[in-house]
N, C-alpha and C. Protein backbone atom coordinates (compact mmCIF):
# COMPACT_ATOMS: atom_id res chain seq x y z
N UNK A 1 20.88 24.23 128.62
CA UNK A 1 22.31 24.07 127.86
C UNK A 1 22.55 23.33 127.86
N UNK A 2 23.58 22.37 126.23
CA UNK A 2 24.51 20.93 126.37
C UNK A 2 25.82 21.82 127.32
N UNK A 3 26.06 20.30 127.71
CA UNK A 3 27.55 21.25 128.29
C UNK A 3 28.99 21.48 127.42
N UNK A 4 29.03 21.05 126.48
CA UNK A 4 30.07 21.65 126.04
C UNK A 4 29.37 22.87 125.36
N UNK A 5 28.62 24.24 125.78
CA UNK A 5 28.22 25.63 125.62
C UNK A 5 28.24 26.25 127.02
N UNK A 6 28.43 25.16 127.83
CA UNK A 6 28.64 25.30 129.51
C UNK A 6 29.75 27.19 129.09
N UNK A 7 29.44 27.84 129.91
CA UNK A 7 30.10 29.30 130.38
C UNK A 7 31.00 29.21 131.08
N UNK A 8 31.89 29.98 131.40
CA UNK A 8 32.75 30.47 131.79
C UNK A 8 33.17 31.65 132.40
N UNK A 9 34.37 31.98 133.22
CA UNK A 9 33.75 33.82 132.87
C UNK A 9 34.79 33.96 131.71
N UNK A 10 35.77 33.47 131.14
CA UNK A 10 36.37 33.75 130.21
C UNK A 10 35.25 33.98 128.83
N UNK A 11 34.10 33.29 129.17
CA UNK A 11 33.32 32.82 128.09
C UNK A 11 33.24 31.57 127.52
N UNK A 12 32.80 31.39 126.49
CA UNK A 12 32.31 29.93 126.39
C UNK A 12 33.11 29.35 126.50
N UNK A 13 33.06 27.86 126.70
CA UNK A 13 33.78 26.59 127.30
C UNK A 13 33.79 25.79 125.63
N UNK A 14 34.44 25.29 125.23
CA UNK A 14 33.86 24.84 123.90
C UNK A 14 35.01 23.43 124.20
N UNK A 15 34.57 22.05 124.48
CA UNK A 15 35.11 21.52 124.56
C UNK A 15 34.06 19.82 123.84
N UNK A 16 34.77 18.59 123.29
CA UNK A 16 34.12 18.54 121.95
C UNK A 16 32.86 17.32 122.76
N UNK A 17 32.30 16.54 121.88
CA UNK A 17 30.95 15.74 122.62
C UNK A 17 31.52 14.57 122.46
N UNK A 18 31.92 13.63 123.79
CA UNK A 18 32.84 12.09 123.69
C UNK A 18 31.33 11.13 123.50
N UNK A 19 30.55 11.56 123.58
CA UNK A 19 28.81 10.91 124.27
C UNK A 19 28.77 10.59 125.75
N UNK A 20 29.03 8.95 125.60
CA UNK A 20 28.56 8.93 127.39
C UNK A 20 30.06 8.18 127.66
N UNK A 21 31.23 8.79 126.87
CA UNK A 21 32.39 8.17 127.33
C UNK A 21 33.07 9.18 128.24
N UNK A 22 33.03 10.35 128.05
CA UNK A 22 33.43 11.03 129.32
C UNK A 22 31.91 11.97 130.38
N UNK A 23 32.24 12.94 130.83
CA UNK A 23 31.12 13.42 131.61
C UNK A 23 31.70 14.69 130.97
N UNK A 24 31.26 15.58 130.41
CA UNK A 24 31.76 16.91 129.78
C UNK A 24 31.59 18.16 130.44
N UNK A 25 30.88 17.64 131.86
CA UNK A 25 30.64 19.10 132.81
C UNK A 25 31.88 18.76 133.62
N UNK A 26 32.38 17.68 133.71
CA UNK A 26 33.53 17.54 134.83
C UNK A 26 34.68 17.63 133.66
N UNK A 27 35.23 17.51 132.59
CA UNK A 27 35.91 17.68 132.01
C UNK A 27 36.13 18.78 131.67
N UNK A 28 35.17 20.01 131.63
CA UNK A 28 35.05 21.27 131.74
C UNK A 28 35.76 21.93 132.67
N UNK A 29 35.27 21.36 133.68
CA UNK A 29 35.60 22.20 135.48
C UNK A 29 36.96 21.92 135.08
N UNK A 30 37.60 21.00 134.85
CA UNK A 30 39.07 20.14 135.46
C UNK A 30 39.87 21.47 134.14
N UNK A 31 39.67 21.72 132.96
CA UNK A 31 39.98 22.60 131.97
C UNK A 31 40.36 24.07 133.19
N UNK A 32 39.44 24.45 133.79
CA UNK A 32 38.88 26.20 134.10
C UNK A 32 40.48 26.02 134.88
N UNK A 33 40.99 24.55 135.30
CA UNK A 33 41.62 24.46 136.44
C UNK A 33 43.06 24.87 136.04
N UNK A 34 42.76 25.36 134.88
CA UNK A 34 44.49 25.71 134.04
C UNK A 34 44.27 27.43 134.17
N UNK A 35 45.39 27.29 134.32
CA UNK A 35 46.04 29.17 134.10
C UNK A 35 45.86 29.99 132.76
N UNK A 36 46.09 29.12 131.94
CA UNK A 36 46.26 29.30 130.62
C UNK A 36 45.37 28.56 129.98
N UNK A 37 44.49 29.13 128.60
CA UNK A 37 44.36 27.82 127.92
C UNK A 37 44.78 27.19 127.13
N UNK A 38 45.58 28.01 126.78
CA UNK A 38 47.31 27.51 125.33
C UNK A 38 48.11 25.86 125.96
N UNK A 39 47.70 26.71 127.38
CA UNK A 39 49.36 25.49 128.31
C UNK A 39 48.04 24.85 129.46
N UNK A 40 47.75 23.54 128.82
CA UNK A 40 46.91 22.94 129.83
C UNK A 40 47.48 21.58 130.73
N UNK A 41 48.74 22.35 131.17
CA UNK A 41 49.87 21.08 132.06
C UNK A 41 49.26 20.68 133.50
N UNK A 42 48.57 21.44 133.73
CA UNK A 42 47.51 21.24 134.95
C UNK A 42 46.66 20.22 134.76
N UNK A 43 46.03 20.18 133.70
CA UNK A 43 44.85 19.43 133.66
C UNK A 43 45.13 17.88 133.12
N UNK A 44 46.66 17.79 131.72
CA UNK A 44 47.17 16.97 131.85
C UNK A 44 47.42 16.56 132.51
N UNK A 45 47.91 16.61 133.28
CA UNK A 45 48.51 15.90 134.86
C UNK A 45 47.25 15.39 135.15
N UNK A 46 46.43 16.07 135.84
CA UNK A 46 45.55 15.13 136.48
C UNK A 46 44.64 13.83 135.67
N UNK A 47 44.77 14.15 134.24
CA UNK A 47 44.02 13.92 133.03
C UNK A 47 45.24 12.39 133.17
N UNK A 48 46.17 12.76 133.03
CA UNK A 48 47.07 11.18 132.68
C UNK A 48 47.16 10.16 134.39
N UNK A 49 47.16 11.53 135.46
CA UNK A 49 46.67 10.06 136.62
C UNK A 49 45.86 9.80 135.74
N UNK A 50 45.09 10.20 136.15
CA UNK A 50 43.59 9.30 136.25
C UNK A 50 43.62 8.09 135.29
N UNK A 51 44.77 8.59 133.95
CA UNK A 51 44.48 7.43 133.29
C UNK A 51 44.89 5.91 134.09
N UNK A 52 46.70 6.60 134.60
CA UNK A 52 47.46 5.68 135.07
C UNK A 52 46.83 4.85 136.02
N UNK A 53 45.80 5.85 137.04
CA UNK A 53 45.81 5.32 138.32
C UNK A 53 44.49 3.62 137.59
N UNK A 54 43.59 4.05 136.59
CA UNK A 54 42.71 3.41 136.12
C UNK A 54 43.70 2.10 135.23
N UNK A 55 44.49 1.74 134.62
CA UNK A 55 45.21 1.36 134.18
C UNK A 55 45.90 -0.23 135.46
N UNK A 56 46.48 1.47 136.49
CA UNK A 56 47.04 -0.06 137.46
C UNK A 56 45.62 -0.65 138.36
N UNK A 57 44.37 -0.16 138.16
CA UNK A 57 43.45 -0.66 138.61
C UNK A 57 42.72 -2.12 138.18
N UNK A 58 42.81 -2.17 136.83
CA UNK A 58 42.88 -2.83 135.46
C UNK A 58 44.04 -3.58 136.24
N UNK A 59 45.36 -3.59 136.31
CA UNK A 59 45.86 -4.95 136.48
C UNK A 59 45.64 -5.58 137.74
N UNK A 60 45.29 -4.92 138.78
CA UNK A 60 45.22 -5.14 139.96
C UNK A 60 43.92 -6.44 139.37
N UNK A 61 42.71 -6.20 138.98
CA UNK A 61 42.04 -6.55 138.93
C UNK A 61 42.20 -8.09 138.16
N UNK A 62 42.59 -7.99 137.06
CA UNK A 62 43.15 -9.23 135.77
C UNK A 62 44.36 -10.07 136.91
N UNK A 63 45.40 -9.78 137.67
CA UNK A 63 45.68 -10.39 138.73
C UNK A 63 45.23 -11.14 139.33
N UNK A 64 43.71 -10.89 140.27
CA UNK A 64 43.51 -11.00 141.20
C UNK A 64 42.20 -12.29 140.41
N UNK A 65 41.61 -11.94 139.47
CA UNK A 65 40.17 -12.46 138.62
C UNK A 65 41.80 -14.12 138.24
């Protein structure tokens, strides 16, 4: 079954297909951590934190190069 059709306890988890850019299974698991599907504050903070960390890493790499 495709990752975008994985099922949780609440029914099917619908996530967009991002191709190879994002692991949809992992992304779905992050979304499942939210208490409310309509309020994604918890998963949003995880994803935004990841992007901030990635940006800092790339800036550090640029500095070293």
